[in-house]
Amino acid sequence: MRNLILNADDFGLTRGINEGIVRAHRDGILTSATIMASADAFDHAVEQSKQNPGLGVGCHLVLVGGTAVAPVEEIPTLASKDGRLPDSLGIFVTRLSTGRIRLKEIERELRAQILKIRSAGIEPTHLDTHKHTHAHPAVMEAIGRVATEFGITRVRKPMEDLQDSWSSTRGESGISIELMAAAAARAATPLFHSVARRYGLLSPDHFLGLAMTGHLGPEALGRLIRSLQEGTTEIMLHPGLCDSELQKVETRLLQQRDAEMRALIDPGVKSAIKERGIRLITYAGLN
């Protein structure tokens, strides 16, 4: 049997992204989204989530390129005095790997974000991280401890099989960075599985979308769906509306979000799901 979770990252980043996610769910095949606790359109995302109870909602935990939720005085090595988290993944990993960010502060920030989401009335289906920071073993360890505290048992495995990555990107242009990111994340797979087993965390069997970030139009998404293996697969997407609000946000994905939203409601993509007998689920259906 083939089960498929289609998850939209960045829920809450802007109202346009929220509206695109909801449209992809109501009119298309999107089953899941992960919400950002510190994002500007968080309250709007919470409202949209409650109006669409069939949409599974997890936590998109942010340790890079955002604003901290925990009090700044509790996380002095993680956030600046004005509450800003490290600007880039490279800066974050360098500081963490050289001991300049304390692991306990990462746990405090993760805990604060989950608490904010729960306090808004959302029971998270799972956890994932912005920029896949939990591919780093130290962050994954913090995720494991915090998830156990909150009774959350499901987490994204942000490692894409390199054969799948190559197959999905063949013939596409301008994706070398994404393909390298998929290869780098893959190197952390054994440590990820070790931590996940220790904390009893479940993940889908397969993960797709990292190598094709920003390139999942209808044709590419249909190709991924037709190539799904047995078991449960998560495909990561970034649907949304590219409006004036999004243009002001620090993100490299702009018009690409419109393309991914259109892919999720495309009749041909829907037909691929039906033809293959694929069951659409949320993380809540993962067991």
Protein backbone atom coordinates (compact mmCIF):
# COMPACT_ATOMS: atom_id res chain seq x y z
CA MET A 1 0.00 0.00 0.00
CA ARG A 2 1.13 3.52 -0.75
CA ASN A 3 0.21 6.25 1.74
CA LEU A 4 1.02 9.89 1.03
CA ILE A 5 1.35 12.95 3.26
CA LEU A 6 1.55 16.23 1.34
CA ASN A 7 2.82 18.82 3.81
CA ALA A 8 2.98 22.59 3.30
CA ASP A 9 5.75 24.31 5.24
CA ASP A 10 5.63 27.96 6.40
CA PHE A 11 1.97 28.08 7.53
CA GLY A 12 1.63 31.48 9.21
CA LEU A 13 4.42 33.27 7.33
CA THR A 14 1.95 35.57 5.48
CA ARG A 15 -1.79 35.69 4.99
CA GLY A 16 -1.28 34.91 1.30
CA ILE A 17 0.63 31.76 2.14
CA ASN A 18 -2.13 30.76 4.54
CA GLU A 19 -4.77 31.32 1.88
CA GLY A 20 -2.79 29.33 -0.67
CA ILE A 21 -2.40 26.44 1.77
CA VAL A 22 -6.12 26.40 2.54
CA ARG A 23 -7.00 26.47 -1.16
CA ALA A 24 -4.60 23.60 -1.86
CA HIS A 25 -6.32 21.64 0.91
CA ARG A 26 -9.94 22.47 0.09
CA ASP A 27 -9.67 22.25 -3.69
CA GLY A 28 -6.75 19.89 -4.00
CA ILE A 29 -4.76 17.12 -2.38
CA LEU A 30 -2.84 18.90 0.38
CA THR A 31 -3.31 17.00 3.65
CA SER A 32 -0.99 18.68 6.15
CA ALA A 33 0.78 21.92 7.07
CA THR A 34 3.28 23.03 9.68
CA ILE A 35 2.72 26.31 11.48
CA MET A 36 5.39 28.85 12.51
CA ALA A 37 4.80 30.13 16.05
CA SER A 38 6.64 33.44 15.64
CA ALA A 39 5.46 34.34 12.14
CA ASP A 40 3.49 37.53 11.46
CA ALA A 41 0.36 35.73 10.20
CA PHE A 42 0.30 33.13 12.99
CA ASP A 43 -3.11 34.19 14.34
CA HIS A 44 -4.61 34.07 10.85
CA ALA A 45 -3.16 30.58 10.35
CA VAL A 46 -4.70 29.42 13.64
CA GLU A 47 -8.08 30.78 12.53
CA GLN A 48 -7.78 29.05 9.14
CA SER A 49 -6.75 25.81 10.82
CA LYS A 50 -9.85 25.78 13.00
CA GLN A 51 -12.07 26.41 9.96
CA ASN A 52 -10.47 23.44 8.17
CA PRO A 53 -10.30 20.59 10.69
CA GLY A 54 -9.38 18.05 8.02
CA LEU A 55 -6.01 19.73 7.56
CA GLY A 56 -3.41 18.15 9.82
CA VAL A 57 -1.28 20.82 11.51
CA GLY A 58 2.15 20.28 13.00
CA CYS A 59 4.87 22.61 14.31
CA HIS A 60 7.36 24.18 11.91
CA LEU A 61 10.01 24.91 14.53
CA VAL A 62 12.25 27.87 13.74
CA LEU A 63 15.84 28.22 14.95
CA VAL A 64 17.14 30.18 11.94
CA GLY A 65 15.99 33.38 10.26
CA GLY A 66 13.17 34.37 12.56
CA THR A 67 12.25 35.90 15.90
CA ALA A 68 12.49 33.95 19.14
CA VAL A 69 9.37 33.12 21.16
CA ALA A 70 11.17 32.43 24.45
CA PRO A 71 12.24 35.43 26.57
CA VAL A 72 15.57 36.74 25.27
CA GLU A 73 17.19 36.61 28.71
CA GLU A 74 16.63 32.83 28.75
CA ILE A 75 18.38 32.19 25.41
CA PRO A 76 21.33 34.64 25.24
CA THR A 77 23.55 32.36 23.13
CA LEU A 78 20.78 31.56 20.63
CA ALA A 79 19.14 34.95 20.04
CA SER A 80 20.38 38.52 19.81
CA LYS A 81 19.29 41.17 22.30
CA ASP A 82 16.41 42.14 20.01
CA GLY A 83 15.24 38.52 19.82
CA ARG A 84 16.56 37.66 16.37
CA LEU A 85 17.67 34.09 15.73
CA PRO A 86 20.78 33.37 13.61
CA ASP A 87 20.36 34.79 10.11
CA SER A 88 21.39 31.69 8.17
CA LEU A 89 21.72 27.94 8.50
CA GLY A 90 25.49 28.20 8.05
CA ILE A 91 25.85 30.66 10.93
CA PHE A 92 23.62 28.54 13.16
CA VAL A 93 25.46 25.27 12.46
CA THR A 94 28.88 26.90 12.93
CA ARG A 95 27.93 28.43 16.26
CA LEU A 96 26.25 25.25 17.47
CA SER A 97 29.11 22.98 16.39
CA THR A 98 31.71 25.17 18.12
CA GLY A 99 29.78 25.28 21.40
CA ARG A 100 28.69 28.91 21.14
CA ILE A 101 24.99 27.98 21.32
CA ARG A 102 23.88 26.05 24.39
CA LEU A 103 21.68 23.04 23.73
CA LYS A 104 19.49 23.88 26.73
CA GLU A 105 18.61 27.20 25.09
CA ILE A 106 17.55 25.41 21.91
CA GLU A 107 15.27 23.25 24.04
CA ARG A 108 13.81 26.35 25.74
CA GLU A 109 13.02 27.94 22.38
CA LEU A 110 11.49 24.76 20.97
CA ARG A 111 9.39 24.38 24.10
CA ALA A 112 8.18 27.98 23.90
CA GLN A 113 7.12 27.58 20.27
CA ILE A 114 5.19 24.36 20.92
CA LEU A 115 3.53 25.91 23.97
CA LYS A 116 2.40 28.92 21.93
CA ILE A 117 0.88 26.67 19.28
CA ARG A 118 -0.87 24.49 21.85
CA SER A 119 -2.13 27.51 23.76
CA ALA A 120 -3.78 28.68 20.53
CA GLY A 121 -5.84 25.49 20.51
CA ILE A 122 -3.83 23.40 18.03
CA GLU A 123 -2.73 19.91 19.02
CA PRO A 124 0.31 19.30 16.76
CA THR A 125 0.29 16.19 14.61
CA HIS A 126 4.09 16.24 14.33
CA LEU A 127 7.26 18.30 14.40
CA ASP A 128 9.56 19.52 11.65
CA THR A 129 12.03 22.38 11.43
CA HIS A 130 12.61 25.41 9.23
CA LYS A 131 15.70 24.83 7.05
CA HIS A 132 15.76 21.21 8.36
CA THR A 133 17.90 22.17 11.35
CA HIS A 134 17.03 18.89 13.07
CA ALA A 135 19.21 17.07 10.55
CA HIS A 136 21.94 18.24 12.96
CA PRO A 137 22.28 15.54 15.66
CA ALA A 138 22.33 18.06 18.53
CA VAL A 139 19.06 19.65 17.38
CA MET A 140 17.50 16.23 16.84
CA GLU A 141 18.48 15.34 20.41
CA ALA A 142 16.74 18.49 21.66
CA ILE A 143 13.68 17.65 19.51
CA GLY A 144 13.56 14.18 21.05
CA ARG A 145 13.58 15.49 24.62
CA VAL A 146 11.01 18.22 23.99
CA ALA A 147 8.73 15.93 21.96
CA THR A 148 8.74 13.43 24.82
CA GLU A 149 7.74 16.18 27.27
CA PHE A 150 4.75 17.11 25.13
CA GLY A 151 3.75 13.58 24.16
CA ILE A 152 4.40 14.22 20.47
CA THR A 153 5.44 11.00 18.75
CA ARG A 154 5.89 11.95 15.07
CA VAL A 155 8.66 13.88 13.38
CA ARG A 156 9.74 14.56 9.81
CA LYS A 157 12.72 12.56 8.57
CA PRO A 158 14.38 15.26 6.42
CA MET A 159 16.53 12.79 4.50
CA GLU A 160 15.72 12.10 0.88
CA ASP A 161 17.05 8.95 -0.76
CA LEU A 162 19.73 10.13 -3.18
CA GLN A 163 18.45 7.87 -5.94
CA ASP A 164 15.00 9.44 -5.51
CA SER A 165 16.58 12.89 -5.49
CA TRP A 166 18.45 12.26 -8.72
CA SER A 167 15.43 10.68 -10.40
CA SER A 168 13.16 13.56 -9.43
CA THR A 169 15.56 16.32 -10.51
CA ARG A 170 16.80 14.82 -13.78
CA GLY A 171 16.00 17.15 -16.65
CA GLU A 172 15.36 20.12 -14.34
CA SER A 173 17.63 23.17 -14.32
CA GLY A 174 18.78 25.45 -11.53
CA ILE A 175 18.46 22.93 -8.70
CA SER A 176 22.08 22.02 -7.93
CA ILE A 177 21.94 23.72 -4.51
CA GLU A 178 18.85 21.77 -3.50
CA LEU A 179 20.40 18.51 -4.70
CA MET A 180 23.53 19.22 -2.64
CA ALA A 181 21.36 20.02 0.39
CA ALA A 182 19.61 16.65 -0.02
CA ALA A 183 22.99 14.91 -0.16
CA ALA A 184 24.24 16.75 2.94
CA ALA A 185 21.14 15.90 4.95
CA ARG A 186 21.40 12.26 3.86
CA ALA A 187 24.76 11.95 5.61
CA ALA A 188 23.04 12.43 8.98
CA THR A 189 20.59 9.54 8.49
CA PRO A 190 22.17 6.99 10.90
CA LEU A 191 22.31 9.49 13.76
CA PHE A 192 18.76 10.66 13.04
CA HIS A 193 17.45 7.09 13.27
CA SER A 194 19.42 6.45 16.46
CA VAL A 195 17.90 9.46 18.24
CA ALA A 196 14.41 8.73 16.88
CA ARG A 197 14.52 5.15 18.19
CA ARG A 198 15.71 6.30 21.60
CA TYR A 199 12.76 8.68 21.99
CA GLY A 200 10.18 6.51 20.22
CA LEU A 201 9.59 8.97 17.38
CA LEU A 202 7.85 7.83 14.19
CA SER A 203 8.53 9.13 10.67
CA PRO A 204 7.27 8.28 7.20
CA ASP A 205 9.26 5.63 5.36
CA HIS A 206 10.22 8.05 2.59
CA PHE A 207 10.71 11.80 2.20
CA LEU A 208 10.62 13.78 -1.06
CA GLY A 209 10.69 17.43 -2.03
CA LEU A 210 14.03 18.71 -0.70
CA ALA A 211 15.89 18.33 -3.98
CA MET A 212 12.90 19.82 -5.82
CA THR A 213 12.27 22.74 -3.45
CA GLY A 214 10.62 25.51 -5.45
CA HIS A 215 10.33 23.36 -8.58
CA LEU A 216 7.24 21.26 -7.85
CA GLY A 217 4.91 22.40 -10.60
CA PRO A 218 2.16 20.07 -11.88
CA GLU A 219 4.43 18.00 -14.12
CA ALA A 220 7.14 17.50 -11.48
CA LEU A 221 4.66 16.72 -8.69
CA GLY A 222 2.85 14.23 -10.92
CA ARG A 223 6.19 12.57 -11.68
CA LEU A 224 6.98 12.21 -7.98
CA ILE A 225 3.54 10.76 -7.25
CA ARG A 226 3.81 8.20 -10.05
CA SER A 227 7.20 7.07 -8.69
CA LEU A 228 6.11 6.53 -5.07
CA GLN A 229 7.40 3.42 -3.35
CA GLU A 230 5.44 1.12 -1.05
CA GLY A 231 4.87 2.45 2.47
CA THR A 232 4.29 6.01 3.60
CA THR A 233 5.90 8.99 1.87
CA GLU A 234 5.93 12.66 2.82
CA ILE A 235 6.27 15.20 0.02
CA MET A 236 7.30 18.63 1.30
CA LEU A 237 5.85 21.66 -0.50
CA HIS A 238 5.67 25.44 -0.12
CA PRO A 239 2.34 26.54 -1.64
CA GLY A 240 1.00 30.06 -1.28
CA LEU A 241 -0.02 33.26 -3.03
CA CYS A 242 2.80 35.49 -4.24
CA ASP A 243 1.42 38.88 -3.20
CA SER A 244 2.87 42.21 -2.08
CA GLU A 245 3.12 40.98 1.51
CA LEU A 246 5.27 38.02 0.52
CA GLN A 247 7.54 40.31 -1.52
CA LYS A 248 8.57 42.00 1.76
CA VAL A 249 9.52 38.72 3.48
CA GLU A 250 13.04 37.29 3.45
CA THR A 251 12.37 34.20 1.36
CA ARG A 252 13.75 32.99 -1.96
CA LEU A 253 10.45 31.24 -2.81
CA LEU A 254 8.07 33.74 -4.41
CA GLN A 255 6.30 32.84 -7.68
CA GLN A 256 7.34 29.25 -6.97
CA ARG A 257 4.71 29.15 -4.22
CA ASP A 258 1.96 29.94 -6.73
CA ALA A 259 3.24 27.14 -8.97
CA GLU A 260 3.19 24.61 -6.14
CA MET A 261 -0.32 25.64 -5.12
CA ARG A 262 -1.49 25.15 -8.69
CA ALA A 263 0.18 21.73 -8.77
CA LEU A 264 -1.77 20.62 -5.71
CA ILE A 265 -5.11 21.43 -7.34
CA ASP A 266 -4.17 20.26 -10.84
CA PRO A 267 -6.62 17.68 -12.32
CA GLY A 268 -3.76 15.65 -13.78
CA VAL A 269 -2.05 15.39 -10.40
CA LYS A 270 -5.34 14.34 -8.79
CA SER A 271 -5.70 11.67 -11.49
CA ALA A 272 -2.24 10.33 -10.69
CA ILE A 273 -3.33 9.81 -7.08
CA LYS A 274 -6.44 7.92 -8.18
CA GLU A 275 -4.66 5.86 -10.85
CA ARG A 276 -2.06 4.62 -8.39
CA GLY A 277 -4.55 3.86 -5.63
CA ILE A 278 -2.66 6.13 -3.24
CA ARG A 279 -4.21 6.85 0.16
CA LEU A 280 -3.88 10.46 1.30
CA ILE A 281 -3.24 10.80 5.05
CA THR A 282 -1.97 13.26 7.66
CA TYR A 283 0.76 12.59 10.21
CA ALA A 284 -2.03 11.56 12.59
CA GLY A 285 -2.55 8.51 10.38
CA LEU A 286 1.09 7.45 10.64
CA ASN A 287 1.57 4.29 12.71
